[in-house]
């Protein structure tokens, strides 16, 4: 027996996110009535995660749908919404939800103007585009933005997919998305940089050396916040930080990626400032750390060795 309140859902964009969320809504007994898929990879994904769902042109999907899920890149969202508005494709009373982290419902102004209901539901999760993502949704939160009267609808859709909604104000969407990108995307960059340094000095399978350390560091940071911080910067160990900067400068001079030293310097400086604010050391130690890192930027090794002695 079909549960009450089930919707006909159209998925615009069978990328890694759209296909998975479409499958999650289908698992909640909503009817996915159509999906758009342009590339061969998206077509295969749609066939795997949404078997039996017809691949249709976007206007045809909108005509059939009570809920439209827009799972397209951020920069493509506004032109798509505006173009469909010019075609008169949006329907009064239709629910239109996008999955962009950056945007709230303001970008769906043409949808609102047509009498449809704009919603923003962004999953704070990385996607593989495979069925295993459906299980991971159970531990996922969505950043949700909507008009106050419509907020319960957006929250209910997220709950039906097995996730938990977190309300984000319209004006806070960019900061919200920046926080997630900074924490997730830059974590990947840091891991890749650390692995590159180890590989350049001859360590085989650097991921196996880094894995336990990085996993423990992330778990500790999430559980205890900044109080989990360890290492030479937190200890005010100027000599060690100077030696690190010198070694990374030498690697860059020998053909390594210069972005590794740049990232180390920037993050060490940020860590030093936060450590000082927490009272781990005084302004004098922070200044010495900054001086040591500046010498590393210049590739001057003598000052680093002097600091160590």
Protein backbone atom coordinates (compact mmCIF):
# COMPACT_ATOMS: atom_id res chain seq x y z
CA UNK A 1 0.00 0.00 0.00
CA UNK A 2 1.41 3.39 -0.98
CA UNK A 3 2.09 5.80 1.85
CA UNK A 4 0.11 9.06 1.79
CA UNK A 5 1.76 12.22 0.52
CA UNK A 6 3.91 10.43 -2.07
CA UNK A 7 5.17 12.67 -4.88
CA UNK A 8 6.09 12.29 -8.50
CA UNK A 9 9.77 13.24 -8.54
CA UNK A 10 11.79 14.45 -11.50
CA UNK A 11 15.58 14.42 -11.25
CA UNK A 12 17.48 16.99 -13.29
CA UNK A 13 21.06 15.79 -13.45
CA UNK A 14 22.00 12.14 -12.96
CA UNK A 15 25.40 13.00 -11.53
CA UNK A 16 26.74 11.38 -8.39
CA UNK A 17 24.39 13.42 -6.17
CA UNK A 18 21.22 13.47 -8.23
CA UNK A 19 21.08 9.77 -8.95
CA UNK A 20 21.70 8.84 -5.30
CA UNK A 21 19.14 11.27 -3.89
CA UNK A 22 16.64 10.17 -6.51
CA UNK A 23 17.18 6.58 -5.38
CA UNK A 24 16.76 7.62 -1.73
CA UNK A 25 13.46 9.35 -2.49
CA UNK A 26 12.36 6.30 -4.43
CA UNK A 27 13.20 4.12 -1.43
CA UNK A 28 10.87 6.39 0.58
CA UNK A 29 8.12 5.35 -1.89
CA UNK A 30 8.07 8.53 -3.93
CA UNK A 31 7.72 7.82 -7.65
CA UNK A 32 10.65 8.98 -9.76
CA UNK A 33 8.91 9.85 -13.01
CA UNK A 34 11.90 10.90 -15.08
CA UNK A 35 15.59 11.72 -15.03
CA UNK A 36 17.80 13.81 -17.29
CA UNK A 37 21.16 12.31 -18.24
CA UNK A 38 23.44 13.64 -20.95
CA UNK A 39 26.80 11.89 -20.62
CA UNK A 40 27.33 8.16 -20.96
CA UNK A 41 28.44 7.99 -17.31
CA UNK A 42 25.26 9.69 -16.10
CA UNK A 43 23.12 7.40 -18.23
CA UNK A 44 24.82 4.35 -16.76
CA UNK A 45 24.39 5.79 -13.27
CA UNK A 46 20.69 6.41 -13.87
CA UNK A 47 20.20 2.89 -15.15
CA UNK A 48 21.99 1.44 -12.12
CA UNK A 49 20.47 3.52 -9.34
CA UNK A 50 17.11 4.32 -10.94
CA UNK A 51 16.26 1.23 -12.98
CA UNK A 52 13.13 1.56 -15.04
CA UNK A 53 13.00 5.36 -14.75
CA UNK A 54 12.75 6.95 -18.20
CA UNK A 55 15.51 9.29 -19.36
CA UNK A 56 13.68 12.36 -20.64
CA UNK A 57 14.23 15.90 -21.82
CA UNK A 58 14.07 18.45 -19.01
CA UNK A 59 10.79 20.16 -20.03
CA UNK A 60 9.10 16.75 -20.19
CA UNK A 61 10.34 15.94 -16.69
CA UNK A 62 8.98 19.20 -15.29
CA UNK A 63 5.60 18.58 -16.90
CA UNK A 64 5.29 15.23 -15.07
CA UNK A 65 6.76 16.19 -11.68
CA UNK A 66 5.31 17.40 -8.41
CA UNK A 67 8.83 17.65 -6.97
CA UNK A 68 11.76 18.66 -9.16
CA UNK A 69 15.24 17.89 -7.85
CA UNK A 70 17.89 20.13 -9.44
CA UNK A 71 21.25 18.38 -8.96
CA UNK A 72 23.44 20.44 -11.28
CA UNK A 73 26.73 22.33 -10.78
CA UNK A 74 26.49 25.67 -8.94
CA UNK A 75 27.34 27.75 -11.98
CA UNK A 76 24.76 25.96 -14.13
CA UNK A 77 21.88 26.44 -11.70
CA UNK A 78 20.88 30.04 -12.42
CA UNK A 79 20.94 29.74 -16.25
CA UNK A 80 18.93 26.53 -16.06
CA UNK A 81 16.28 28.00 -13.76
CA UNK A 82 15.99 31.19 -15.80
CA UNK A 83 15.89 29.34 -19.11
CA UNK A 84 13.07 27.08 -17.95
CA UNK A 85 11.18 30.11 -16.64
CA UNK A 86 11.35 31.71 -20.09
CA UNK A 87 9.88 28.51 -21.52
CA UNK A 88 7.04 28.68 -18.99
CA UNK A 89 8.04 25.25 -17.71
CA UNK A 90 7.60 25.83 -13.97
CA UNK A 91 4.19 24.95 -12.56
CA UNK A 92 2.29 26.66 -9.76
CA UNK A 93 2.41 24.59 -6.57
CA UNK A 94 5.34 22.50 -7.80
CA UNK A 95 8.14 21.83 -5.30
CA UNK A 96 11.57 22.72 -6.68
CA UNK A 97 14.59 21.70 -4.61
CA UNK A 98 18.22 22.28 -5.56
CA UNK A 99 21.25 20.57 -4.00
CA UNK A 100 23.76 23.43 -4.23
CA UNK A 101 25.66 24.18 -1.04
CA UNK A 102 26.45 27.75 -1.98
CA UNK A 103 22.95 28.91 -2.82
CA UNK A 104 19.80 29.33 -0.80
CA UNK A 105 16.38 29.88 -2.31
CA UNK A 106 17.12 33.34 -3.73
CA UNK A 107 18.55 31.79 -6.87
CA UNK A 108 15.15 30.16 -7.44
CA UNK A 109 13.37 33.52 -7.77
CA UNK A 110 12.02 32.61 -11.25
CA UNK A 111 10.53 29.47 -9.70
CA UNK A 112 8.81 31.54 -7.01
CA UNK A 113 7.54 33.99 -9.61
CA UNK A 114 5.80 31.12 -11.42
CA UNK A 115 4.02 30.08 -8.22
CA UNK A 116 6.27 27.09 -7.51
CA UNK A 117 7.85 26.47 -4.10
CA UNK A 118 11.65 26.88 -3.81
CA UNK A 119 13.70 24.68 -1.47
CA UNK A 120 17.45 24.27 -0.90
CA UNK A 121 18.62 20.88 0.43
CA UNK A 122 22.38 20.31 0.35
CA UNK A 123 23.88 17.02 1.56
CA UNK A 124 27.06 17.59 3.58
CA UNK A 125 28.68 14.48 2.19
CA UNK A 126 30.99 13.42 -0.61
CA UNK A 127 29.40 11.06 -3.12
CA UNK A 128 30.72 8.16 -5.15
CA UNK A 129 27.57 7.88 -7.23
CA UNK A 130 27.18 4.23 -6.21
CA UNK A 131 24.63 2.41 -4.08
CA UNK A 132 26.90 2.48 -1.02
CA UNK A 133 26.08 6.19 -0.76
CA UNK A 134 22.52 5.29 0.21
CA UNK A 135 23.76 3.74 3.45
CA UNK A 136 26.03 6.70 4.12
CA UNK A 137 23.04 9.05 3.98
CA UNK A 138 21.95 7.62 7.33
CA UNK A 139 24.92 9.40 8.95
CA UNK A 140 24.56 12.56 6.85
CA UNK A 141 23.18 16.01 7.55
CA UNK A 142 21.68 18.36 4.98
CA UNK A 143 21.92 22.14 5.02
CA UNK A 144 18.30 23.18 4.50
CA UNK A 145 16.97 26.61 3.51
CA UNK A 146 13.39 27.55 2.68
CA UNK A 147 10.70 30.13 3.40
CA UNK A 148 9.52 29.64 7.01
CA UNK A 149 6.15 28.21 5.99
CA UNK A 150 7.81 25.74 3.63
CA UNK A 151 10.71 24.73 5.87
CA UNK A 152 8.87 21.67 7.26
CA UNK A 153 8.53 20.33 3.72
CA UNK A 154 12.26 20.59 3.08
CA UNK A 155 13.02 19.02 6.46
CA UNK A 156 10.57 16.17 5.83
CA UNK A 157 12.18 15.34 2.47
CA UNK A 158 15.59 15.09 4.13
CA UNK A 159 14.24 12.90 6.94
CA UNK A 160 12.57 10.63 4.40
CA UNK A 161 15.95 10.09 2.75
CA UNK A 162 17.27 8.90 6.10
CA UNK A 163 19.34 11.99 6.87
CA UNK A 164 19.06 14.87 9.34
CA UNK A 165 18.21 18.46 8.34
CA UNK A 166 20.14 21.45 9.68
CA UNK A 167 18.53 24.85 9.04
CA UNK A 168 20.86 27.38 7.36
CA UNK A 169 19.76 31.00 6.97
CA UNK A 170 19.64 32.37 3.43
CA UNK A 171 22.37 34.89 4.15
CA UNK A 172 24.65 32.24 5.66
CA UNK A 173 24.71 29.81 2.76
CA UNK A 174 28.06 30.92 1.32
CA UNK A 175 29.77 30.80 4.72
CA UNK A 176 28.20 27.39 5.35
CA UNK A 177 29.51 26.07 2.05
CA UNK A 178 32.94 27.63 2.57
CA UNK A 179 33.24 25.83 5.91
CA UNK A 180 32.43 22.48 4.33
CA UNK A 181 34.75 23.03 1.38
CA UNK A 182 37.57 24.20 3.65
CA UNK A 183 37.20 21.19 5.93
CA UNK A 184 36.65 18.53 3.27
CA UNK A 185 38.39 19.62 0.06
CA UNK A 186 41.48 21.02 1.75
CA UNK A 187 41.78 17.88 3.85
CA UNK A 188 42.24 15.96 0.61
CA UNK A 189 44.88 18.45 -0.53
CA UNK A 190 46.79 18.17 2.74
CA UNK A 191 46.77 14.36 2.62
CA UNK A 192 47.98 14.41 -0.99
CA UNK A 193 50.77 16.86 -0.17
CA UNK A 194 51.95 14.81 2.81
CA UNK A 195 51.94 11.65 0.68
CA UNK A 196 53.94 13.41 -2.03
CA UNK A 197 56.67 14.45 0.40
CA UNK A 198 56.93 10.89 1.72
CA UNK A 199 57.04 9.46 -1.79
CA UNK A 200 59.80 11.90 -2.80
CA UNK A 201 62.01 10.69 0.05
CA UNK A 202 61.46 7.09 -0.95
CA UNK A 203 58.65 5.92 1.32
CA UNK A 204 56.63 3.20 -0.38
CA UNK A 205 52.85 3.16 0.11
CA UNK A 206 52.77 6.48 1.97
CA UNK A 207 49.02 6.11 2.40
CA UNK A 208 49.61 3.19 4.77
CA UNK A 209 51.95 5.31 6.87
CA UNK A 210 49.62 8.30 6.92
CA UNK A 211 46.30 6.48 7.24
CA UNK A 212 46.27 5.65 10.97
CA UNK A 213 47.69 9.06 11.87
CA UNK A 214 45.23 11.07 9.78
CA UNK A 215 42.21 9.03 10.82
CA UNK A 216 43.11 9.39 14.50
CA UNK A 217 43.76 13.11 14.10
CA UNK A 218 40.39 13.66 12.42
CA UNK A 219 38.52 11.61 15.01
CA UNK A 220 40.26 13.47 17.86
CA UNK A 221 39.63 16.86 16.28
CA UNK A 222 35.93 16.14 15.81
CA UNK A 223 35.59 14.80 19.35
CA UNK A 224 37.71 17.33 21.23
CA UNK A 225 38.11 20.34 18.95
CA UNK A 226 41.29 22.37 19.19
CA UNK A 227 42.24 20.76 22.50
CA UNK A 228 43.24 17.73 20.42
CA UNK A 229 46.00 19.74 18.73
CA UNK A 230 49.51 18.34 19.12
CA UNK A 231 52.79 18.85 17.30
CA UNK A 232 55.63 21.35 17.10
CA UNK A 233 53.56 24.47 16.43
CA UNK A 234 51.29 23.84 19.43
CA UNK A 235 54.40 23.23 21.56
CA UNK A 236 56.09 26.38 20.31
CA UNK A 237 58.98 24.27 19.03
CA UNK A 238 60.49 26.95 16.80
CA UNK A 239 63.54 24.94 15.79
CA UNK A 240 61.50 22.03 14.50
CA UNK A 241 59.12 24.29 12.56
CA UNK A 242 62.10 26.10 11.03
CA UNK A 243 63.66 22.78 10.03
CA UNK A 244 60.37 21.68 8.44
CA UNK A 245 60.19 24.87 6.39
CA UNK A 246 63.81 24.46 5.29
CA UNK A 247 63.30 20.84 4.24
CA UNK A 248 60.17 21.66 2.26
CA UNK A 249 61.96 24.58 0.60
CA UNK A 250 64.77 22.24 -0.44
CA UNK A 251 62.25 19.79 -1.89
CA UNK A 252 60.64 22.60 -3.87
CA UNK A 253 64.06 23.71 -5.16
CA UNK A 254 64.76 20.12 -6.23
CA UNK A 255 61.67 20.02 -8.41
CA UNK A 256 58.99 19.30 -5.85
CA UNK A 257 55.65 21.06 -5.74
CA UNK A 258 56.08 24.57 -4.23
CA UNK A 259 52.47 24.56 -3.08
CA UNK A 260 53.43 22.16 -0.27
CA UNK A 261 55.68 24.73 1.42
CA UNK A 262 53.09 27.45 0.81
CA UNK A 263 50.36 25.35 2.44
CA UNK A 264 52.59 24.33 5.35
CA UNK A 265 53.48 27.95 6.03
CA UNK A 266 49.89 29.19 5.84
CA UNK A 267 48.52 26.47 8.08
CA UNK A 268 51.39 26.70 10.57
CA UNK A 269 50.83 30.47 10.85
CA UNK A 270 47.10 29.97 11.38
CA UNK A 271 47.80 27.26 13.95
CA UNK A 272 50.26 29.51 15.80
CA UNK A 273 47.72 32.32 16.05
CA UNK A 274 45.02 30.00 17.34
CA UNK A 275 47.45 28.41 19.81
CA UNK A 276 48.37 31.84 21.14
CA UNK A 277 44.70 32.74 21.59
CA UNK A 278 44.22 29.52 23.57
CA UNK A 279 47.11 30.47 25.86
CA UNK A 280 49.49 27.68 24.79
CA UNK A 281 52.26 30.25 24.47
CA UNK A 282 52.79 34.00 24.33
CA UNK A 283 53.15 36.54 21.56
CA UNK A 284 56.96 36.21 21.67
CA UNK A 285 56.84 32.53 20.67
CA UNK A 286 54.27 33.21 17.97
CA UNK A 287 56.53 35.94 16.55
CA UNK A 288 59.51 33.57 16.52
CA UNK A 289 57.42 30.95 14.71
CA UNK A 290 56.40 33.53 12.12
CA UNK A 291 60.03 34.55 11.65
CA UNK A 292 61.14 30.95 11.19
CA UNK A 293 58.41 30.31 8.64
CA UNK A 294 59.31 33.48 6.74
CA UNK A 295 62.90 32.26 6.45
CA UNK A 296 61.60 28.97 5.12
CA UNK A 297 59.73 30.89 2.44
CA UNK A 298 62.96 32.50 1.33
CA UNK A 299 64.69 29.13 1.26
CA UNK A 300 67.32 30.38 3.77
CA UNK A 301 68.51 27.38 5.69
CA UNK A 302 71.13 29.01 7.92
CA UNK A 303 68.60 30.78 10.09
CA UNK A 304 66.65 27.59 10.59
CA UNK A 305 69.73 25.70 11.79
CA UNK A 306 70.63 28.58 14.07
CA UNK A 307 67.15 28.45 15.59
CA UNK A 308 67.59 24.72 16.22
CA UNK A 309 70.96 25.03 17.96
